[in-house]
Amino acid sequence: MLEANKKIFGSISQQFPKLETFVFFDGSIRHTQVCQPNGALRDKCLLTNYSQYMHKFRSTCSEAISSCFYNNEEFPCCDEFLPIDTYHGPCFGFNSLVSGKYTSREDLPFKITRDSNFGYGNLSIELYHDGFIVYGLSQDSVPTKESSSEFVLLDSRTSSGIVAKTAYKAFLSVKETFTDEAARLMKIANRGCRFYDENNLQHAKLYSTSACVNECLVEAQREICNCTYHILPHNDQVKDCDFEGLLCTIDNKKVKEKTTSCSCTSSCSDVEVVNIGFTKTPIHSSQFRNDKSQFQLVVLLVCLWVQVCSQWSRLFIIFSCVRLATNT
């Protein structure tokens, strides 16, 4: 990313909104004055085509994830960590309905089962580099701006950072609430929730409260600024913001008012994820399954609701939002 930044901006790159700002856009831009109309360096600024840069410089699954095991059984990482559009842009979803590979919860291949050796669930992955966010969410949910702090299991952007040659163990508990299938006979307004296949959204393949929240932001930005963040899930009817469009959306009171007043129906099935915490242990290179790995992450499901958990057959979803790009 640093090399690409220098190629585009040259020696003055530190004074510009960096390429990384747009590739991993988070709703803010620094040093905007020089790129605005009549700005001193506008002719050297990136003013459009941010989606193109995002897809070019972000890591693919195979560039990010090196090894994957569930309950000590290996599986091909990129067959199951599939591309998903989120508030952070392209991420990889594990055991997810959102990817489109699986059409129902019953089809999801990784189940929660009681095991004397692995508890209720043990997902182990190795990563080639840092620059990632890992979420624990329901099978039909996606990360939103609001979920960034609530459902993050591990985030290498935090002040404490992520240390190479380290094994991280994240502990979480989950509790599922769901509406009986018989409720489908009732009108949505009467039962007060939507099943994931009762989708009324324009910019998502299936319904979830989180997808609705992201769509509210897209529609508010389109109405006020005639565009939306290039990182957000949206169809071809909504155009990506250029530089002026992004400036319009940032800290726009009218956009905030629109999103605040937006009403999203609850999902008929939801998973409450409690992030208990994580431990970290230095490990030697020889302990990695892949000799090029830099980090090991193990997600352990610790069931606090034993009687409920013992009846489950579905697994939480893990999102690995890889933020560090390649230098190509």
C-alpha atoms as a PDB file:
ATOM      1  CA  MET A   1       0.000   0.000   0.000  1.00  0.00           C
ATOM      2  CA  LEU A   2       2.855   2.397   0.831  1.00  0.00           C
ATOM      3  CA  GLU A   3       4.501   1.754  -2.546  1.00  0.00           C
ATOM      4  CA  ALA A   4       1.212   2.286  -4.379  1.00  0.00           C
ATOM      5  CA  ASN A   5       0.612   5.500  -2.451  1.00  0.00           C
ATOM      6  CA  LYS A   6       4.032   6.854  -3.498  1.00  0.00           C
ATOM      7  CA  LYS A   7       3.521   5.881  -7.148  1.00  0.00           C
ATOM      8  CA  ILE A   8       0.264   7.820  -7.303  1.00  0.00           C
ATOM      9  CA  PHE A   9       1.130  10.834  -5.156  1.00  0.00           C
ATOM     10  CA  GLY A  10       4.933  10.963  -5.174  1.00  0.00           C
ATOM     11  CA  SER A  11       6.901  12.732  -2.463  1.00  0.00           C
ATOM     12  CA  ILE A  12       3.952  14.864  -1.339  1.00  0.00           C
ATOM     13  CA  SER A  13       1.804  11.854  -0.452  1.00  0.00           C
ATOM     14  CA  GLN A  14       1.858  12.666   3.260  1.00  0.00           C
ATOM     15  CA  GLN A  15      -0.093  15.862   2.583  1.00  0.00           C
ATOM     16  CA  PHE A  16      -2.863  14.130   0.638  1.00  0.00           C
ATOM     17  CA  PRO A  17      -5.784  11.992   1.641  1.00  0.00           C
ATOM     18  CA  LYS A  18      -3.811   8.772   1.291  1.00  0.00           C
ATOM     19  CA  LEU A  19      -4.833   5.963  -1.020  1.00  0.00           C
ATOM     20  CA  GLU A  20      -5.536   3.869   2.070  1.00  0.00           C
ATOM     21  CA  THR A  21      -8.168   6.429   3.097  1.00  0.00           C
ATOM     22  CA  PHE A  22     -10.325   5.454   0.120  1.00  0.00           C
ATOM     23  CA  VAL A  23      -9.432   1.760  -0.067  1.00  0.00           C
ATOM     24  CA  PHE A  24     -10.448   1.298   3.591  1.00  0.00           C
ATOM     25  CA  PHE A  25     -12.817   4.240   3.867  1.00  0.00           C
ATOM     26  CA  ASP A  26     -14.259   4.660   7.357  1.00  0.00           C
ATOM     27  CA  GLY A  27     -16.440   7.728   6.906  1.00  0.00           C
ATOM     28  CA  SER A  28     -13.730  10.353   7.414  1.00  0.00           C
ATOM     29  CA  ILE A  29     -11.090  12.102   5.293  1.00  0.00           C
ATOM     30  CA  ARG A  30      -8.106  14.187   6.408  1.00  0.00           C
ATOM     31  CA  HIS A  31      -6.338  16.962   4.481  1.00  0.00           C
ATOM     32  CA  THR A  32      -9.344  17.684   2.277  1.00  0.00           C
ATOM     33  CA  GLN A  33      -8.587  21.352   1.628  1.00  0.00           C
ATOM     34  CA  VAL A  34      -5.897  20.773  -1.005  1.00  0.00           C
ATOM     35  CA  CYS A  35      -8.241  18.565  -3.046  1.00  0.00           C
ATOM     36  CA  GLN A  36     -11.303  20.791  -3.049  1.00  0.00           C
ATOM     37  CA  PRO A  37     -12.098  23.051  -6.051  1.00  0.00           C
ATOM     38  CA  ASN A  38      -9.334  25.673  -6.297  1.00  0.00           C
ATOM     39  CA  GLY A  39      -7.254  23.582  -3.893  1.00  0.00           C
ATOM     40  CA  ALA A  40      -3.497  23.956  -4.320  1.00  0.00           C
ATOM     41  CA  LEU A  41      -2.935  20.300  -5.278  1.00  0.00           C
ATOM     42  CA  ARG A  42      -6.305  19.288  -6.709  1.00  0.00           C
ATOM     43  CA  ASP A  43      -4.814  18.156 -10.018  1.00  0.00           C
ATOM     44  CA  LYS A  44      -2.871  15.447  -8.155  1.00  0.00           C
ATOM     45  CA  CYS A  45      -5.779  14.204  -6.013  1.00  0.00           C
ATOM     46  CA  LEU A  46      -7.781  11.003  -6.334  1.00  0.00           C
ATOM     47  CA  LEU A  47     -11.217  12.379  -7.104  1.00  0.00           C
ATOM     48  CA  THR A  48     -13.194   9.344  -8.270  1.00  0.00           C
ATOM     49  CA  ASN A  49     -13.145   5.578  -9.060  1.00  0.00           C
ATOM     50  CA  TYR A  50     -12.621   4.637  -5.392  1.00  0.00           C
ATOM     51  CA  SER A  51     -14.334   1.290  -5.815  1.00  0.00           C
ATOM     52  CA  GLN A  52     -11.767   0.325  -8.432  1.00  0.00           C
ATOM     53  CA  TYR A  53      -8.901   1.044  -6.025  1.00  0.00           C
ATOM     54  CA  MET A  54     -10.687  -0.766  -3.211  1.00  0.00           C
ATOM     55  CA  HIS A  55     -10.971  -3.996  -5.198  1.00  0.00           C
ATOM     56  CA  LYS A  56      -7.455  -3.700  -6.616  1.00  0.00           C
ATOM     57  CA  PHE A  57      -5.563  -3.223  -3.366  1.00  0.00           C
ATOM     58  CA  ARG A  58      -7.538  -5.153  -0.775  1.00  0.00           C
ATOM     59  CA  SER A  59      -6.345  -8.638   0.083  1.00  0.00           C
ATOM     60  CA  THR A  60      -8.168 -11.606  -1.347  1.00  0.00           C
ATOM     61  CA  CYS A  61      -9.068 -14.569   0.853  1.00  0.00           C
ATOM     62  CA  SER A  62      -6.039 -16.573  -0.293  1.00  0.00           C
ATOM     63  CA  GLU A  63      -3.751 -13.613   0.401  1.00  0.00           C
ATOM     64  CA  ALA A  64      -5.082 -13.219   3.931  1.00  0.00           C
ATOM     65  CA  ILE A  65      -6.087 -16.602   5.388  1.00  0.00           C
ATOM     66  CA  SER A  66      -3.581 -19.439   5.288  1.00  0.00           C
ATOM     67  CA  SER A  67      -5.086 -22.308   7.302  1.00  0.00           C
ATOM     68  CA  CYS A  68      -8.543 -23.267   8.607  1.00  0.00           C
ATOM     69  CA  PHE A  69      -9.800 -25.945  11.022  1.00  0.00           C
ATOM     70  CA  TYR A  70     -13.145 -26.537  12.685  1.00  0.00           C
ATOM     71  CA  ASN A  71     -13.100 -28.914  15.664  1.00  0.00           C
ATOM     72  CA  ASN A  72      -9.642 -30.008  14.508  1.00  0.00           C
ATOM     73  CA  GLU A  73     -10.831 -30.951  11.015  1.00  0.00           C
ATOM     74  CA  GLU A  74      -9.209 -28.998   8.206  1.00  0.00           C
ATOM     75  CA  PHE A  75     -11.308 -27.373   5.489  1.00  0.00           C
ATOM     76  CA  PRO A  76     -10.372 -25.248   2.435  1.00  0.00           C
ATOM     77  CA  CYS A  77     -10.439 -21.691   3.787  1.00  0.00           C
ATOM     78  CA  CYS A  78     -11.646 -19.923   0.683  1.00  0.00           C
ATOM     79  CA  ASP A  79     -14.381 -22.486  -0.006  1.00  0.00           C
ATOM     80  CA  GLU A  80     -16.071 -21.348   3.212  1.00  0.00           C
ATOM     81  CA  PHE A  81     -14.769 -17.814   3.880  1.00  0.00           C
ATOM     82  CA  LEU A  82     -16.781 -16.224   1.086  1.00  0.00           C
ATOM     83  CA  PRO A  83     -16.971 -12.599  -0.146  1.00  0.00           C
ATOM     84  CA  ILE A  84     -19.677 -10.537   1.536  1.00  0.00           C
ATOM     85  CA  ASP A  85     -20.492  -6.830   1.189  1.00  0.00           C
ATOM     86  CA  THR A  86     -20.604  -4.928   4.481  1.00  0.00           C
ATOM     87  CA  TYR A  87     -20.270  -1.457   5.956  1.00  0.00           C
ATOM     88  CA  HIS A  88     -16.491  -2.016   5.789  1.00  0.00           C
ATOM     89  CA  GLY A  89     -16.614  -2.979   2.131  1.00  0.00           C
ATOM     90  CA  PRO A  90     -15.727  -6.518   0.961  1.00  0.00           C
ATOM     91  CA  CYS A  91     -15.245  -8.981   3.839  1.00  0.00           C
ATOM     92  CA  PHE A  92     -15.199 -12.778   4.127  1.00  0.00           C
ATOM     93  CA  GLY A  93     -18.055 -14.596   5.836  1.00  0.00           C
ATOM     94  CA  PHE A  94     -17.810 -18.051   7.396  1.00  0.00           C
ATOM     95  CA  ASN A  95     -20.914 -20.242   7.634  1.00  0.00           C
ATOM     96  CA  SER A  96     -22.960 -17.397   6.234  1.00  0.00           C
ATOM     97  CA  LEU A  97     -26.297 -17.216   4.462  1.00  0.00           C
ATOM     98  CA  VAL A  98     -25.403 -13.769   3.144  1.00  0.00           C
ATOM     99  CA  SER A  99     -22.826 -15.139   0.700  1.00  0.00           C
ATOM    100  CA  GLY A 100     -25.544 -16.894  -1.304  1.00  0.00           C
ATOM    101  CA  LYS A 101     -23.802 -20.291  -1.290  1.00  0.00           C
ATOM    102  CA  TYR A 102     -26.317 -21.675   1.209  1.00  0.00           C
ATOM    103  CA  THR A 103     -30.026 -20.982   0.899  1.00  0.00           C
ATOM    104  CA  SER A 104     -31.266 -22.044   4.341  1.00  0.00           C
ATOM    105  CA  ARG A 105     -29.965 -22.386   7.868  1.00  0.00           C
ATOM    106  CA  GLU A 106     -30.310 -26.164   7.613  1.00  0.00           C
ATOM    107  CA  ASP A 107     -27.834 -26.166   4.702  1.00  0.00           C
ATOM    108  CA  LEU A 108     -25.040 -24.526   6.709  1.00  0.00           C
ATOM    109  CA  PRO A 109     -22.284 -27.151   7.035  1.00  0.00           C
ATOM    110  CA  PHE A 110     -20.717 -26.224  10.379  1.00  0.00           C
ATOM    111  CA  LYS A 111     -22.933 -27.165  13.298  1.00  0.00           C
ATOM    112  CA  ILE A 112     -22.808 -26.558  17.026  1.00  0.00           C
ATOM    113  CA  THR A 113     -22.639 -29.959  18.668  1.00  0.00           C
ATOM    114  CA  ARG A 114     -21.623 -31.039  22.125  1.00  0.00           C
ATOM    115  CA  ASP A 115     -18.096 -32.527  22.013  1.00  0.00           C
ATOM    116  CA  SER A 116     -15.973 -33.526  25.002  1.00  0.00           C
ATOM    117  CA  ASN A 117     -12.777 -32.389  23.260  1.00  0.00           C
ATOM    118  CA  PHE A 118     -13.909 -29.196  21.539  1.00  0.00           C
ATOM    119  CA  GLY A 119     -16.869 -27.998  23.573  1.00  0.00           C
ATOM    120  CA  TYR A 120     -19.622 -26.480  21.447  1.00  0.00           C
ATOM    121  CA  GLY A 121     -17.456 -25.099  18.669  1.00  0.00           C
ATOM    122  CA  ASN A 122     -13.780 -24.467  17.931  1.00  0.00           C
ATOM    123  CA  LEU A 123     -12.762 -22.493  14.845  1.00  0.00           C
ATOM    124  CA  SER A 124      -9.031 -22.108  14.247  1.00  0.00           C
ATOM    125  CA  ILE A 125      -7.546 -19.985  11.458  1.00  0.00           C
ATOM    126  CA  GLU A 126      -4.102 -18.653  10.597  1.00  0.00           C
ATOM    127  CA  LEU A 127      -3.463 -15.324   8.891  1.00  0.00           C
ATOM    128  CA  TYR A 128      -0.611 -14.119   6.720  1.00  0.00           C
ATOM    129  CA  HIS A 129      -0.632 -10.539   8.015  1.00  0.00           C
ATOM    130  CA  ASP A 130      -2.317  -8.114  10.368  1.00  0.00           C
ATOM    131  CA  GLY A 131      -4.804  -5.420   9.390  1.00  0.00           C
ATOM    132  CA  PHE A 132      -7.995  -7.336  10.123  1.00  0.00           C
ATOM    133  CA  ILE A 133     -11.236  -7.139  12.074  1.00  0.00           C
ATOM    134  CA  VAL A 134     -13.008 -10.298  13.206  1.00  0.00           C
ATOM    135  CA  TYR A 135     -16.732 -10.230  14.039  1.00  0.00           C
ATOM    136  CA  GLY A 136     -19.046 -12.740  15.650  1.00  0.00           C
ATOM    137  CA  LEU A 137     -22.558 -12.378  14.208  1.00  0.00           C
ATOM    138  CA  SER A 138     -25.712 -14.263  13.296  1.00  0.00           C
ATOM    139  CA  GLN A 139     -25.725 -16.286  10.066  1.00  0.00           C
ATOM    140  CA  ASP A 140     -27.801 -13.705   8.211  1.00  0.00           C
ATOM    141  CA  SER A 141     -26.278 -10.540   9.686  1.00  0.00           C
ATOM    142  CA  VAL A 142     -23.566  -8.213   8.384  1.00  0.00           C
ATOM    143  CA  PRO A 143     -21.347  -5.642  10.117  1.00  0.00           C
ATOM    144  CA  THR A 144     -22.753  -2.123  10.332  1.00  0.00           C
ATOM    145  CA  LYS A 145     -21.343   1.142  11.575  1.00  0.00           C
ATOM    146  CA  GLU A 146     -23.138   0.601  14.891  1.00  0.00           C
ATOM    147  CA  SER A 147     -21.906  -2.985  15.343  1.00  0.00           C
ATOM    148  CA  SER A 148     -18.228  -2.061  15.115  1.00  0.00           C
ATOM    149  CA  SER A 149     -17.730  -2.006  18.876  1.00  0.00           C
ATOM    150  CA  GLU A 150     -20.411  -4.456  20.008  1.00  0.00           C
ATOM    151  CA  PHE A 151     -19.590  -7.568  17.976  1.00  0.00           C
ATOM    152  CA  VAL A 152     -15.852  -7.268  17.280  1.00  0.00           C
ATOM    153  CA  LEU A 153     -13.878 -10.238  18.588  1.00  0.00           C
ATOM    154  CA  LEU A 154     -10.474  -8.963  17.528  1.00  0.00           C
ATOM    155  CA  ASP A 155      -9.368  -5.747  15.832  1.00  0.00           C
ATOM    156  CA  SER A 156      -5.773  -5.093  14.823  1.00  0.00           C
ATOM    157  CA  ARG A 157      -6.524  -1.355  14.527  1.00  0.00           C
ATOM    158  CA  THR A 158      -6.838  -0.932  18.309  1.00  0.00           C
ATOM    159  CA  SER A 159      -4.224   0.897  20.334  1.00  0.00           C
ATOM    160  CA  SER A 160      -2.952  -2.325  21.897  1.00  0.00           C
ATOM    161  CA  GLY A 161      -2.296  -3.654  18.404  1.00  0.00           C
ATOM    162  CA  ILE A 162      -1.765  -7.193  17.213  1.00  0.00           C
ATOM    163  CA  VAL A 163       1.622  -8.835  17.708  1.00  0.00           C
ATOM    164  CA  ALA A 164       3.124 -11.158  15.092  1.00  0.00           C
ATOM    165  CA  LYS A 165       3.980 -14.748  15.982  1.00  0.00           C
ATOM    166  CA  THR A 166       1.125 -14.814  18.483  1.00  0.00           C
ATOM    167  CA  ALA A 167      -1.820 -17.122  19.074  1.00  0.00           C
ATOM    168  CA  TYR A 168      -5.067 -15.389  20.014  1.00  0.00           C
ATOM    169  CA  LYS A 169      -7.981 -17.199  21.624  1.00  0.00           C
ATOM    170  CA  ALA A 170     -11.324 -15.407  21.530  1.00  0.00           C
ATOM    171  CA  PHE A 171     -14.061 -16.658  23.887  1.00  0.00           C
ATOM    172  CA  LEU A 172     -17.713 -15.978  23.259  1.00  0.00           C
ATOM    173  CA  SER A 173     -21.113 -17.243  24.227  1.00  0.00           C
ATOM    174  CA  VAL A 174     -24.248 -17.128  22.123  1.00  0.00           C
ATOM    175  CA  LYS A 175     -27.961 -17.378  22.673  1.00  0.00           C
ATOM    176  CA  GLU A 176     -30.470 -17.742  19.872  1.00  0.00           C
ATOM    177  CA  THR A 177     -33.956 -16.265  19.881  1.00  0.00           C
ATOM    178  CA  PHE A 178     -36.332 -17.244  17.120  1.00  0.00           C
ATOM    179  CA  THR A 179     -39.948 -17.070  16.040  1.00  0.00           C
ATOM    180  CA  ASP A 180     -41.701 -20.348  15.254  1.00  0.00           C
ATOM    181  CA  GLU A 181     -42.192 -21.083  11.550  1.00  0.00           C
ATOM    182  CA  ALA A 182     -45.943 -21.221  12.145  1.00  0.00           C
ATOM    183  CA  ALA A 183     -45.831 -17.448  12.587  1.00  0.00           C
ATOM    184  CA  ARG A 184     -45.437 -17.139   8.818  1.00  0.00           C
ATOM    185  CA  LEU A 185     -49.218 -17.475   8.643  1.00  0.00           C
ATOM    186  CA  MET A 186     -49.461 -14.092  10.346  1.00  0.00           C
ATOM    187  CA  LYS A 187     -48.891 -10.779   8.617  1.00  0.00           C
ATOM    188  CA  ILE A 188     -45.438  -9.283   9.189  1.00  0.00           C
ATOM    189  CA  ALA A 189     -46.979  -6.240  10.829  1.00  0.00           C
ATOM    190  CA  ASN A 190     -48.805  -8.433  13.337  1.00  0.00           C
ATOM    191  CA  ARG A 191     -45.908 -10.679  14.297  1.00  0.00           C
ATOM    192  CA  GLY A 192     -43.447  -7.771  14.351  1.00  0.00           C
ATOM    193  CA  CYS A 193     -40.530  -9.490  12.623  1.00  0.00           C
ATOM    194  CA  ARG A 194     -39.275 -10.677   9.238  1.00  0.00           C
ATOM    195  CA  PHE A 195     -37.775 -14.035   8.319  1.00  0.00           C
ATOM    196  CA  TYR A 196     -34.543 -13.766   6.324  1.00  0.00           C
ATOM    197  CA  ASP A 197     -36.255 -14.944   3.114  1.00  0.00           C
ATOM    198  CA  GLU A 198     -38.983 -12.273   3.408  1.00  0.00           C
ATOM    199  CA  ASN A 199     -36.697  -9.706   1.887  1.00  0.00           C
ATOM    200  CA  ASN A 200     -37.993  -6.245   1.041  1.00  0.00           C
ATOM    201  CA  LEU A 201     -34.553  -4.626   0.724  1.00  0.00           C
ATOM    202  CA  GLN A 202     -33.109  -3.295  -2.537  1.00  0.00           C
ATOM    203  CA  HIS A 203     -29.426  -3.656  -1.694  1.00  0.00           C
ATOM    204  CA  ALA A 204     -29.264  -7.032   0.086  1.00  0.00           C
ATOM    205  CA  LYS A 205     -29.895 -10.636  -0.961  1.00  0.00           C
ATOM    206  CA  LEU A 206     -31.811 -11.504   2.205  1.00  0.00           C
ATOM    207  CA  TYR A 207     -33.366  -9.672   5.111  1.00  0.00           C
ATOM    208  CA  SER A 208     -31.735  -8.924   8.429  1.00  0.00           C
ATOM    209  CA  THR A 209     -31.974  -5.947  10.742  1.00  0.00           C
ATOM    210  CA  SER A 210     -28.307  -5.171  10.094  1.00  0.00           C
ATOM    211  CA  ALA A 211     -28.765  -5.233   6.304  1.00  0.00           C
ATOM    212  CA  CYS A 212     -31.719  -2.877   6.738  1.00  0.00           C
ATOM    213  CA  VAL A 213     -29.571  -0.500   8.810  1.00  0.00           C
ATOM    214  CA  ASN A 214     -26.948  -0.399   6.049  1.00  0.00           C
ATOM    215  CA  GLU A 215     -29.659   0.209   3.452  1.00  0.00           C
ATOM    216  CA  CYS A 216     -31.051   3.105   5.477  1.00  0.00           C
ATOM    217  CA  LEU A 217     -27.636   4.764   5.278  1.00  0.00           C
ATOM    218  CA  VAL A 218     -27.377   4.150   1.534  1.00  0.00           C
ATOM    219  CA  GLU A 219     -30.809   5.642   0.860  1.00  0.00           C
ATOM    220  CA  ALA A 220     -30.223   8.640   3.135  1.00  0.00           C
ATOM    221  CA  GLN A 221     -26.945   9.433   1.391  1.00  0.00           C
ATOM    222  CA  ARG A 222     -28.516   9.024  -2.038  1.00  0.00           C
ATOM    223  CA  GLU A 223     -31.407  11.334  -1.188  1.00  0.00           C
ATOM    224  CA  ILE A 224     -29.215  14.084   0.299  1.00  0.00           C
ATOM    225  CA  CYS A 225     -25.983  13.730  -1.711  1.00  0.00           C
ATOM    226  CA  ASN A 226     -27.092  11.765  -4.812  1.00  0.00           C
ATOM    227  CA  CYS A 227     -24.502   9.027  -4.129  1.00  0.00           C
ATOM    228  CA  THR A 228     -23.311   6.639  -1.426  1.00  0.00           C
ATOM    229  CA  TYR A 229     -20.059   5.347   0.062  1.00  0.00           C
ATOM    230  CA  HIS A 230     -18.314   3.019  -2.387  1.00  0.00           C
ATOM    231  CA  ILE A 231     -17.765   0.567   0.493  1.00  0.00           C
ATOM    232  CA  LEU A 232     -21.481   0.105   1.232  1.00  0.00           C
ATOM    233  CA  PRO A 233     -23.600  -2.662  -0.337  1.00  0.00           C
ATOM    234  CA  HIS A 234     -25.752  -1.071  -3.059  1.00  0.00           C
ATOM    235  CA  ASN A 235     -27.188  -1.873  -6.469  1.00  0.00           C
ATOM    236  CA  ASP A 236     -26.340  -0.207  -9.768  1.00  0.00           C
ATOM    237  CA  GLN A 237     -29.167   2.312  -9.363  1.00  0.00           C
ATOM    238  CA  VAL A 238     -27.095   4.156  -6.739  1.00  0.00           C
ATOM    239  CA  LYS A 239     -23.791   5.634  -7.867  1.00  0.00           C
ATOM    240  CA  ASP A 240     -20.569   5.689  -5.871  1.00  0.00           C
ATOM    241  CA  CYS A 241     -19.596   9.032  -4.413  1.00  0.00           C
ATOM    242  CA  ASP A 242     -16.711  10.922  -5.928  1.00  0.00           C
ATOM    243  CA  PHE A 243     -14.613  13.257  -3.774  1.00  0.00           C
ATOM    244  CA  GLU A 244     -17.277  15.980  -3.571  1.00  0.00           C
ATOM    245  CA  GLY A 245     -19.903  13.348  -2.848  1.00  0.00           C
ATOM    246  CA  LEU A 246     -17.910  11.935   0.063  1.00  0.00           C
ATOM    247  CA  LEU A 247     -17.490  15.418   1.491  1.00  0.00           C
ATOM    248  CA  CYS A 248     -21.261  15.838   1.265  1.00  0.00           C
ATOM    249  CA  THR A 249     -21.939  12.647   3.216  1.00  0.00           C
ATOM    250  CA  ILE A 250     -19.387  13.152   5.991  1.00  0.00           C
ATOM    251  CA  ASP A 251     -20.954  14.553   9.189  1.00  0.00           C
ATOM    252  CA  ASN A 252     -24.038  15.612   7.232  1.00  0.00           C
ATOM    253  CA  LYS A 253     -26.794  16.422   9.738  1.00  0.00           C
ATOM    254  CA  LYS A 254     -29.554  15.701   7.240  1.00  0.00           C
ATOM    255  CA  VAL A 255     -28.117  12.242   6.513  1.00  0.00           C
ATOM    256  CA  LYS A 256     -27.916  11.534  10.242  1.00  0.00           C
ATOM    257  CA  GLU A 257     -31.512  12.655  10.745  1.00  0.00           C
ATOM    258  CA  LYS A 258     -32.674  10.367   7.936  1.00  0.00           C
ATOM    259  CA  THR A 259     -30.867   7.317   9.301  1.00  0.00           C
ATOM    260  CA  THR A 260     -32.045   8.015  12.851  1.00  0.00           C
ATOM    261  CA  SER A 261     -35.676   8.115  11.751  1.00  0.00           C
ATOM    262  CA  CYS A 262     -35.359   4.967   9.623  1.00  0.00           C
ATOM    263  CA  SER A 263     -37.365   2.046  11.011  1.00  0.00           C
ATOM    264  CA  CYS A 264     -36.070  -1.518  10.569  1.00  0.00           C
ATOM    265  CA  THR A 265     -38.227  -4.515  11.427  1.00  0.00           C
ATOM    266  CA  SER A 266     -36.611  -7.010  13.771  1.00  0.00           C
ATOM    267  CA  SER A 267     -35.345 -10.319  12.395  1.00  0.00           C
ATOM    268  CA  CYS A 268     -37.450 -13.356  13.328  1.00  0.00           C
ATOM    269  CA  SER A 269     -34.287 -15.245  14.207  1.00  0.00           C
ATOM    270  CA  ASP A 270     -31.371 -13.618  15.946  1.00  0.00           C
ATOM    271  CA  VAL A 271     -28.246 -14.617  17.811  1.00  0.00           C
ATOM    272  CA  GLU A 272     -27.105 -12.717  20.863  1.00  0.00           C
ATOM    273  CA  VAL A 273     -23.294 -12.843  20.867  1.00  0.00           C
ATOM    274  CA  VAL A 274     -21.419 -12.045  24.076  1.00  0.00           C
ATOM    275  CA  ASN A 275     -17.720 -11.354  23.594  1.00  0.00           C
ATOM    276  CA  ILE A 276     -16.168 -12.671  26.811  1.00  0.00           C
ATOM    277  CA  GLY A 277     -12.629 -11.647  25.863  1.00  0.00           C
ATOM    278  CA  PHE A 278      -9.429 -13.066  24.434  1.00  0.00           C
ATOM    279  CA  THR A 279      -6.017 -14.308  25.500  1.00  0.00           C
ATOM    280  CA  LYS A 280      -2.753 -14.084  23.581  1.00  0.00           C
ATOM    281  CA  THR A 281       0.283 -16.343  23.737  1.00  0.00           C
ATOM    282  CA  PRO A 282       3.597 -16.005  21.843  1.00  0.00           C
ATOM    283  CA  ILE A 283       4.264 -19.031  19.646  1.00  0.00           C
ATOM    284  CA  HIS A 284       7.239 -20.183  17.627  1.00  0.00           C
ATOM    285  CA  SER A 285       7.152 -20.306  13.831  1.00  0.00           C
ATOM    286  CA  SER A 286       7.301 -24.092  13.962  1.00  0.00           C
ATOM    287  CA  GLN A 287       3.930 -24.155  15.764  1.00  0.00           C
ATOM    288  CA  PHE A 288       2.072 -22.680  12.795  1.00  0.00           C
ATOM    289  CA  ARG A 289       0.455 -25.081  10.379  1.00  0.00           C
ATOM    290  CA  ASN A 290       1.602 -22.848   7.528  1.00  0.00           C
ATOM    291  CA  ASP A 291       5.216 -21.645   7.753  1.00  0.00           C
ATOM    292  CA  LYS A 292       4.274 -18.256   6.233  1.00  0.00           C
ATOM    293  CA  SER A 293       1.566 -17.516   8.802  1.00  0.00           C
ATOM    294  CA  GLN A 294       2.028 -14.605  11.194  1.00  0.00           C
ATOM    295  CA  PHE A 295      -1.030 -14.933  13.422  1.00  0.00           C
ATOM    296  CA  GLN A 296      -3.209 -17.705  14.788  1.00  0.00           C
ATOM    297  CA  LEU A 297      -6.781 -17.093  15.870  1.00  0.00           C
ATOM    298  CA  VAL A 298      -8.912 -19.632  17.716  1.00  0.00           C
ATOM    299  CA  VAL A 299     -12.574 -18.830  18.392  1.00  0.00           C
ATOM    300  CA  LEU A 300     -14.060 -20.900  21.207  1.00  0.00           C
ATOM    301  CA  LEU A 301     -17.768 -21.081  21.904  1.00  0.00           C
ATOM    302  CA  VAL A 302     -18.298 -21.161  25.659  1.00  0.00           C
ATOM    303  CA  CYS A 303     -21.954 -21.960  26.272  1.00  0.00           C
ATOM    304  CA  LEU A 304     -23.388 -20.201  29.311  1.00  0.00           C
ATOM    305  CA  TRP A 305     -26.935 -21.330  28.470  1.00  0.00           C
ATOM    306  CA  VAL A 306     -26.233 -25.068  28.541  1.00  0.00           C
ATOM    307  CA  GLN A 307     -29.813 -26.350  28.254  1.00  0.00           C
ATOM    308  CA  VAL A 308     -30.533 -24.143  25.277  1.00  0.00           C
ATOM    309  CA  CYS A 309     -27.157 -24.637  23.605  1.00  0.00           C
ATOM    310  CA  SER A 310     -27.331 -28.401  23.735  1.00  0.00           C
ATOM    311  CA  GLN A 311     -30.304 -28.253  21.356  1.00  0.00           C
ATOM    312  CA  TRP A 312     -28.682 -26.010  18.767  1.00  0.00           C
ATOM    313  CA  SER A 313     -27.574 -27.189  15.362  1.00  0.00           C
ATOM    314  CA  ARG A 314     -26.383 -23.910  13.910  1.00  0.00           C
ATOM    315  CA  LEU A 315     -23.125 -22.055  14.200  1.00  0.00           C
ATOM    316  CA  PHE A 316     -22.499 -18.369  14.680  1.00  0.00           C
ATOM    317  CA  ILE A 317     -20.874 -16.532  11.816  1.00  0.00           C
ATOM    318  CA  ILE A 318     -17.362 -15.131  11.861  1.00  0.00           C
ATOM    319  CA  PHE A 319     -16.514 -12.196   9.659  1.00  0.00           C
ATOM    320  CA  SER A 320     -12.900 -11.551   8.815  1.00  0.00           C
ATOM    321  CA  CYS A 321     -12.750  -8.023   7.427  1.00  0.00           C
ATOM    322  CA  VAL A 322      -9.235  -7.826   6.062  1.00  0.00           C
ATOM    323  CA  ARG A 323      -8.067  -4.252   5.847  1.00  0.00           C
ATOM    324  CA  LEU A 324      -4.417  -4.539   4.888  1.00  0.00           C
ATOM    325  CA  ALA A 325      -3.857  -4.483   1.135  1.00  0.00           C
ATOM    326  CA  THR A 326      -1.141  -6.004  -0.979  1.00  0.00           C
ATOM    327  CA  ASN A 327       1.615  -3.807  -2.374  1.00  0.00           C
ATOM    328  CA  THR A 328       1.022  -4.753  -5.981  1.00  0.00           C
END
